[in-house]
Protein backbone atom coordinates (compact mmCIF):
# COMPACT_ATOMS: atom_id res chain seq x y z
CA MET A 1 29.91 57.21 -37.89
CA ASN A 2 29.82 60.04 -35.35
CA ILE A 3 29.88 58.25 -31.99
CA ALA A 4 27.86 61.02 -30.33
CA TRP A 5 25.07 60.63 -32.88
CA PHE A 6 25.15 56.85 -32.42
CA MET A 7 24.88 57.08 -28.64
CA ALA A 8 22.13 59.69 -28.86
CA GLY A 9 20.15 57.43 -31.20
CA LEU A 10 20.65 54.44 -28.92
CA MET A 11 19.43 56.39 -25.90
CA LEU A 12 16.40 57.69 -27.82
CA SER A 13 15.53 54.16 -28.94
CA ALA A 14 15.83 52.78 -25.40
CA GLY A 15 13.75 55.62 -23.99
CA THR A 16 10.99 55.04 -26.51
CA ALA A 17 10.85 51.33 -25.76
CA SER A 18 10.68 51.82 -22.02
CA ALA A 19 7.97 54.47 -22.32
CA GLY A 20 5.59 52.76 -24.71
CA ASP A 21 6.60 49.14 -25.30
CA PHE A 22 4.08 46.48 -24.31
CA ASP A 23 4.04 42.75 -25.04
CA HIS A 24 0.86 42.34 -27.06
CA GLY A 25 1.49 38.61 -27.11
CA HIS A 26 0.97 38.68 -23.32
CA GLY A 27 3.83 36.20 -23.08
CA GLU A 28 4.10 35.97 -19.29
CA TRP A 29 0.35 35.43 -18.89
CA ARG A 30 0.34 32.94 -21.77
CA GLN A 31 3.04 30.87 -20.07
CA LEU A 32 1.27 30.94 -16.71
CA LEU A 33 -2.01 29.82 -18.26
CA GLY A 34 -0.30 27.05 -20.21
CA LYS A 35 1.27 25.82 -17.00
CA HIS A 36 -1.67 26.12 -14.59
CA VAL A 37 -4.87 25.63 -16.63
CA VAL A 38 -6.09 22.28 -18.00
CA TRP A 39 -9.06 21.47 -20.22
CA ILE A 40 -11.66 19.08 -18.83
CA ASP A 41 -14.95 17.54 -20.01
CA GLY A 42 -13.72 17.12 -23.56
CA GLY A 43 -12.62 20.72 -23.77
CA GLY A 44 -15.93 22.20 -22.64
CA GLY A 45 -14.52 23.44 -19.34
CA SER A 46 -11.22 24.03 -17.62
CA GLN A 47 -9.72 23.76 -14.16
CA VAL A 48 -7.27 26.19 -12.62
CA ASP A 49 -4.34 25.10 -10.49
CA TYR A 50 -4.41 27.92 -7.94
CA ASP A 51 -1.70 26.17 -5.92
CA GLY A 52 0.53 26.49 -8.95
CA PHE A 53 -0.40 30.13 -9.45
CA GLN A 54 0.40 30.72 -5.78
CA LYS A 55 3.89 29.31 -6.30
CA ASP A 56 4.31 31.50 -9.37
CA ARG A 57 2.88 34.58 -7.64
CA SER A 58 5.94 36.69 -8.44
CA ARG A 59 5.51 36.00 -12.16
CA LEU A 60 1.81 36.83 -11.98
CA THR A 61 2.64 40.03 -10.11
CA ALA A 62 5.13 41.01 -12.81
CA TYR A 63 2.49 40.54 -15.50
CA LEU A 64 -0.10 42.52 -13.55
CA GLU A 65 2.42 45.31 -13.08
CA SER A 66 3.00 45.40 -16.83
CA LEU A 67 -0.74 45.88 -17.32
CA SER A 68 -0.88 48.61 -14.69
CA ALA A 69 2.04 50.46 -16.32
CA VAL A 70 0.06 51.14 -19.53
CA SER A 71 -1.18 54.73 -19.73
CA ARG A 72 -4.62 55.68 -20.98
CA LYS A 73 -3.04 57.57 -23.89
CA THR A 74 -1.04 54.51 -24.93
CA PHE A 75 -4.09 52.25 -24.63
CA ASP A 76 -6.27 54.59 -26.71
CA GLY A 77 -3.68 54.51 -29.48
CA TRP A 78 -3.90 50.75 -29.95
CA SER A 79 -6.08 48.91 -32.46
CA ARG A 80 -9.53 47.68 -31.42
CA GLU A 81 -8.26 44.09 -31.25
CA ARG A 82 -5.26 44.97 -29.08
CA ARG A 83 -7.44 46.95 -26.67
CA LEU A 84 -10.01 44.19 -26.33
CA ALA A 85 -7.40 41.46 -25.84
CA PHE A 86 -5.72 43.63 -23.21
CA LEU A 87 -8.99 44.11 -21.31
CA ILE A 88 -10.03 40.44 -21.40
CA ASN A 89 -6.59 39.30 -20.24
CA ALA A 90 -6.56 41.96 -17.53
CA TYR A 91 -9.98 40.85 -16.25
CA ASN A 92 -8.95 37.20 -16.11
CA ALA A 93 -5.51 37.81 -14.59
CA PHE A 94 -6.77 40.17 -11.90
CA THR A 95 -9.54 37.66 -11.10
CA VAL A 96 -6.89 35.01 -10.44
CA GLU A 97 -5.05 37.53 -8.26
CA LEU A 98 -8.26 38.24 -6.32
CA ILE A 99 -8.74 34.52 -5.64
CA LEU A 100 -5.15 34.21 -4.44
CA THR A 101 -5.67 36.94 -1.82
CA ARG A 102 -7.58 34.38 0.26
CA TYR A 103 -6.77 31.03 -1.33
CA PRO A 104 -7.10 28.25 -0.19
CA ASP A 105 -9.58 29.51 2.42
CA LEU A 106 -12.53 29.95 0.08
CA THR A 107 -14.91 27.79 -1.92
CA SER A 108 -16.28 30.51 -4.20
CA ILE A 109 -15.36 33.96 -5.44
CA LYS A 110 -18.50 35.09 -3.63
CA ASP A 111 -16.73 34.36 -0.34
CA LEU A 112 -14.71 37.52 -1.04
CA GLY A 113 -17.84 39.66 -0.80
CA SER A 114 -20.79 40.08 1.53
CA LEU A 115 -24.43 41.14 1.48
CA LEU A 116 -23.30 44.76 1.28
CA SER A 117 -20.20 44.45 -0.91
CA SER A 118 -19.52 42.64 -4.15
CA PRO A 119 -16.14 41.04 -4.93
CA TRP A 120 -16.48 42.55 -8.40
CA LYS A 121 -16.68 46.05 -6.88
CA LYS A 122 -13.45 45.80 -4.87
CA LYS A 123 -10.93 48.39 -6.04
CA PHE A 124 -7.77 46.39 -5.59
CA PHE A 125 -5.67 47.14 -8.69
CA ASN A 126 -4.54 50.00 -10.91
CA LEU A 127 -5.39 50.07 -14.60
CA LEU A 128 -5.19 52.92 -17.09
CA GLU A 129 -3.94 55.28 -14.38
CA GLU A 130 -6.71 54.79 -11.81
CA LYS A 131 -7.74 52.42 -9.04
CA ARG A 132 -10.19 49.94 -10.56
CA HIS A 133 -12.46 46.99 -9.87
CA LEU A 134 -13.38 44.04 -12.08
CA ASP A 135 -16.84 45.38 -12.92
CA TRP A 136 -15.20 48.49 -14.37
CA ILE A 137 -13.25 46.37 -16.86
CA GLU A 138 -16.28 44.32 -17.90
CA HIS A 139 -19.14 46.78 -17.83
CA ASP A 140 -17.57 50.22 -18.28
CA MET A 141 -14.97 49.17 -20.84
CA ILE A 142 -15.64 45.84 -22.57
CA ARG A 143 -19.45 46.15 -22.69
CA LYS A 144 -19.58 49.88 -23.31
CA PRO A 145 -22.10 50.37 -26.15
CA GLY A 146 -20.65 51.27 -29.50
CA VAL A 147 -17.06 50.25 -28.68
CA TYR A 148 -16.65 46.47 -29.09
CA ASP A 149 -20.25 45.21 -29.28
CA ASP A 150 -19.31 41.54 -29.32
CA PRO A 151 -21.42 39.25 -27.09
CA ARG A 152 -18.81 36.51 -27.39
CA ILE A 153 -16.85 38.30 -24.67
CA HIS A 154 -19.21 36.62 -22.20
CA ALA A 155 -17.53 33.33 -23.10
CA ALA A 156 -14.08 34.89 -22.62
CA VAL A 157 -14.09 36.74 -19.30
CA ASN A 158 -13.82 34.25 -16.46
CA CYS A 159 -15.31 34.65 -12.97
CA ALA A 160 -13.34 31.78 -11.39
CA SER A 161 -16.49 29.65 -11.13
CA VAL A 162 -17.52 26.22 -12.39
CA GLY A 163 -20.56 27.73 -14.11
CA CYS A 164 -18.48 30.24 -16.00
CA PRO A 165 -17.18 29.65 -19.53
CA ALA A 166 -13.71 28.12 -19.45
CA LEU A 167 -10.56 30.05 -18.72
CA ARG A 168 -8.36 29.37 -21.76
CA ASP A 169 -4.96 27.78 -21.39
CA GLU A 170 -3.51 30.63 -23.42
CA ALA A 171 -3.73 34.42 -23.46
CA PHE A 172 -5.97 36.30 -25.86
CA ALA A 173 -3.96 38.03 -28.59
CA ALA A 174 -5.06 40.60 -31.18
CA GLU A 175 -3.89 38.58 -34.18
CA ARG A 176 -6.07 35.58 -33.22
CA LEU A 177 -8.76 37.30 -31.17
CA ASP A 178 -11.74 36.57 -33.41
CA ALA A 179 -10.86 32.87 -33.66
CA GLN A 180 -10.24 32.63 -29.90
CA LEU A 181 -13.56 34.28 -29.04
CA GLU A 182 -15.42 31.96 -31.39
CA ASP A 183 -13.60 28.92 -30.03
CA ASN A 184 -14.46 29.81 -26.44
CA LEU A 185 -18.10 30.33 -27.35
CA ILE A 186 -18.26 27.00 -29.20
CA ARG A 187 -16.67 25.14 -26.28
CA PHE A 188 -19.15 26.75 -23.89
CA LEU A 189 -22.24 25.99 -25.99
CA LYS A 190 -21.17 22.37 -26.51
CA ASP A 191 -20.84 21.76 -22.76
CA ARG A 192 -23.99 19.83 -21.83
CA SER A 193 -23.62 20.69 -18.14
CA ARG A 194 -24.29 24.33 -18.96
CA ASN A 195 -26.16 24.41 -22.29
CA ARG A 196 -28.39 21.69 -23.74
CA TYR A 197 -31.65 20.93 -25.52
CA ASN A 198 -34.14 18.82 -23.60
CA PRO A 199 -36.22 16.89 -26.17
CA ARG A 200 -38.69 15.67 -23.55
CA SER A 201 -39.84 19.19 -22.74
CA GLY A 202 -38.84 20.86 -26.00
CA THR A 203 -36.86 23.31 -23.92
CA LEU A 204 -33.46 24.82 -24.53
CA GLU A 205 -31.78 24.80 -21.13
CA VAL A 206 -28.97 27.33 -21.15
CA SER A 207 -26.59 29.13 -18.82
CA ARG A 208 -27.92 31.93 -16.67
CA ILE A 209 -25.39 34.15 -18.47
CA PHE A 210 -27.87 34.39 -21.34
CA ASP A 211 -30.43 35.73 -18.88
CA TRP A 212 -28.15 38.22 -17.12
CA TYR A 213 -26.70 39.57 -20.38
CA GLY A 214 -29.53 38.76 -22.74
CA GLY A 215 -29.54 42.28 -24.12
CA ASP A 216 -26.02 41.83 -25.46
CA PHE A 217 -27.22 38.85 -27.52
CA ARG A 218 -30.11 40.79 -29.03
CA GLU A 219 -28.08 43.63 -30.51
CA GLY A 220 -27.93 42.38 -34.08
CA TYR A 221 -24.58 40.58 -33.99
CA ARG A 222 -24.38 38.41 -37.14
CA GLY A 223 -27.92 39.52 -37.98
CA TYR A 224 -29.90 38.14 -35.02
CA ASP A 225 -31.96 40.26 -32.63
CA THR A 226 -33.39 37.59 -30.31
CA LEU A 227 -31.92 34.88 -28.11
CA GLU A 228 -33.73 32.30 -30.23
CA GLY A 229 -32.00 33.75 -33.28
CA PHE A 230 -28.62 33.56 -31.62
CA PHE A 231 -29.10 29.93 -30.61
CA ALA A 232 -30.38 29.08 -34.10
CA ILE A 233 -26.95 29.95 -35.51
CA TYR A 234 -25.34 27.43 -33.17
CA ALA A 235 -28.08 24.77 -33.35
CA ASP A 236 -25.64 22.03 -34.30
CA LEU A 237 -23.79 22.56 -31.02
CA LEU A 238 -26.87 22.50 -28.80
CA GLY A 239 -28.91 19.59 -30.15
CA ASP A 240 -27.87 15.95 -30.28
CA ALA A 241 -30.45 14.62 -32.75
CA PRO A 242 -31.14 16.08 -36.21
CA ALA A 243 -34.77 16.77 -35.27
CA ASP A 244 -33.65 18.66 -32.15
CA ARG A 245 -31.22 20.77 -34.14
CA GLU A 246 -33.88 21.59 -36.70
CA ARG A 247 -36.26 22.68 -33.95
CA ILE A 248 -33.60 25.00 -32.50
CA ARG A 249 -32.74 26.28 -35.97
CA SER A 250 -36.41 27.08 -36.65
CA ARG A 251 -36.56 28.99 -33.34
CA ARG A 252 -39.50 26.90 -32.10
CA VAL A 253 -38.11 26.36 -28.62
CA LYS A 254 -38.77 27.51 -25.11
CA ILE A 255 -35.75 28.84 -23.23
CA ASP A 256 -35.04 28.01 -19.62
CA PHE A 257 -32.09 29.33 -17.64
CA LEU A 258 -30.13 26.93 -15.46
CA GLU A 259 -28.90 27.60 -11.96
CA TYR A 260 -25.38 28.98 -11.91
CA ASP A 261 -22.63 27.00 -10.22
CA TRP A 262 -20.52 29.45 -8.18
CA ARG A 263 -18.08 26.85 -6.85
CA LEU A 264 -14.43 27.70 -7.39
CA ASN A 265 -13.05 26.35 -10.68
CA GLY A 266 -9.97 25.00 -8.90
CA ALA A 267 -8.22 21.75 -9.59
CA ARG A 268 -8.42 20.48 -6.00
């Protein structure tokens, strides 16, 4: 073999990897989540060990830097599933980073904002070659009409609050994304502290998320175009008695939205 050709090929291969290689298994983030997130309430919720994340800040920083290094051109060339997994993981990881900027001197993510500024509007990280804020990831990218159109993302992005759907103890990955989104939604709907049927009043008492983002659940996903239709699909998760489930399934329920619990989802 011509040694010059061999070396040239090796250099080309290394250059290609450094320019466009990205860990779509999100290994570093997966390990951090497995180490610092625990399921509670029978798997309906989770708690985050922010003390642990603080000790592993350098590893978190390395993962965030890997996200920030991805160019818009590279991102646009990925599959739908890889792009969506990237965005959900980025939202959750940068949210943890935002909490750590003031932890432990806060009781809620809202402590990082004020009457005139939202913590979700803070431009504190780079993503896809520009300075961004968390709302940009969620509303301009993930919820952009005609791109992903999957309301289950509302059970996947985590706002570091008790009232929010659980932060998973693993990263989202393209190969398992559909199953992970469905699992997070099921866990959320089964959690009686946030979603439940009240047989005394005949009312379905659900998370305020379904009020704030109700439009996303009326867009025809899996054939439903109303909130009642969405809940009918998951009636077995929301009702405890057969008669309650049948009432939900028949869509003969009133819907009431519960107060949201903004307390930090920390383990201490």
